[in-house]
Protein backbone atom coordinates (compact mmCIF):
# COMPACT_ATOMS: atom_id res chain seq x y z
CA MET A 1 -27.69 11.78 -28.05
CA ILE A 2 -28.42 12.37 -24.39
CA LEU A 3 -28.86 8.66 -23.75
CA SER A 4 -25.51 7.83 -25.33
CA SER A 5 -23.69 10.45 -23.24
CA ILE A 6 -25.32 9.11 -20.07
CA LEU A 7 -24.32 5.56 -21.01
CA LEU A 8 -20.78 6.72 -21.74
CA GLN A 9 -20.54 8.44 -18.36
CA ALA A 10 -21.94 5.36 -16.61
CA ALA A 11 -19.45 3.13 -18.43
CA ILE A 12 -16.53 5.36 -17.40
CA ILE A 13 -17.65 5.35 -13.76
CA PHE A 14 -18.06 1.57 -13.86
CA VAL A 15 -14.59 1.05 -15.34
CA VAL A 16 -13.01 3.36 -12.75
CA LEU A 17 -14.70 1.46 -9.92
CA VAL A 18 -13.64 -1.92 -11.34
CA VAL A 19 -10.03 -0.75 -11.69
CA PHE A 20 -10.09 0.60 -8.12
CA VAL A 21 -11.44 -2.66 -6.68
CA LEU A 22 -8.98 -4.70 -8.72
CA THR A 23 -5.93 -2.69 -7.68
CA TYR A 24 -7.10 -2.62 -4.05
CA SER A 25 -7.48 -6.39 -3.93
CA LEU A 26 -4.12 -6.99 -5.64
CA ASN A 27 -2.41 -4.59 -3.25
CA LYS A 28 -3.99 -6.27 -0.24
CA ARG A 29 -2.86 -9.72 -1.39
CA THR A 30 0.73 -8.66 -2.07
CA LYS A 31 3.02 -9.53 0.82
CA PRO A 32 5.73 -7.06 1.87
CA PRO A 33 9.30 -7.98 0.96
CA LYS A 34 11.44 -9.59 3.62
CA ASN A 35 14.44 -7.91 5.24
CA VAL A 36 13.34 -4.37 4.45
CA VAL A 37 15.45 -1.80 6.29
CA ILE A 38 13.88 1.55 7.02
CA PRO A 39 16.48 4.29 7.45
CA GLU A 40 16.59 6.22 10.70
CA LYS A 41 16.53 9.50 8.79
CA CYS A 42 16.41 10.70 5.23
CA GLU A 43 19.69 9.80 3.58
CA PHE A 44 19.63 10.09 -0.19
CA CYS A 45 16.41 11.84 -1.10
CA PRO A 46 17.14 15.32 -2.52
CA SER A 47 13.49 16.32 -2.16
CA THR A 48 12.67 19.15 0.24
CA SER A 49 9.14 17.81 0.69
CA CYS A 50 10.11 14.30 1.79
CA LEU A 51 7.36 12.46 3.68
CA MET A 52 9.80 10.29 5.62
CA LYS A 53 10.76 12.25 8.72
CA GLU A 54 12.91 11.21 11.66
CA MET A 55 9.94 11.17 14.03
CA THR A 56 7.81 9.03 11.74
CA ALA A 57 10.58 6.50 11.05
CA LYS A 58 10.29 5.01 14.54
CA LYS A 59 6.50 4.85 14.32
CA THR A 60 6.68 3.25 10.87
CA LYS A 61 9.14 0.62 12.13
CA GLU A 62 6.84 -0.26 15.03
CA GLU A 63 3.84 -0.57 12.71
CA LEU A 64 5.77 -2.80 10.31
CA LYS A 65 6.96 -5.00 13.18
CA GLU A 66 3.36 -5.40 14.36
CA ILE A 67 2.23 -6.33 10.86
CA ILE A 68 5.04 -8.84 10.45
CA ASN A 69 4.30 -10.37 13.85
CA CYS A 70 0.63 -10.72 12.96
CA GLU A 71 1.51 -12.44 9.68
CA LYS A 72 3.81 -14.87 11.49
CA GLU A 73 1.05 -15.71 13.97
CA ASP A 74 -1.48 -16.17 11.16
CA SER A 75 0.67 -18.67 9.24
CA PRO A 76 1.90 -21.43 11.62
CA ASN A 77 3.00 -23.65 8.69
CA GLU A 78 5.90 -21.37 7.80
CA LYS A 79 9.24 -21.94 9.50
CA ASN A 80 11.16 -18.92 10.85
């Protein structure tokens, strides 16, 4: 009885770790969509706890531009 519960717990932990690694690797391989426009401020979200703030929009745009520039430099075979 104790051995089966330990094996069940180990199996659950193993499955959770496999799912985490799988989703992480799939997320890392997925390229961002082209021509994504980030709004300057919140426009249509009725939420009062919105994470997208005016001050973070500029920072997010700069980070995305850096990522896009790095991807363009990494892949010289693609035409702009």
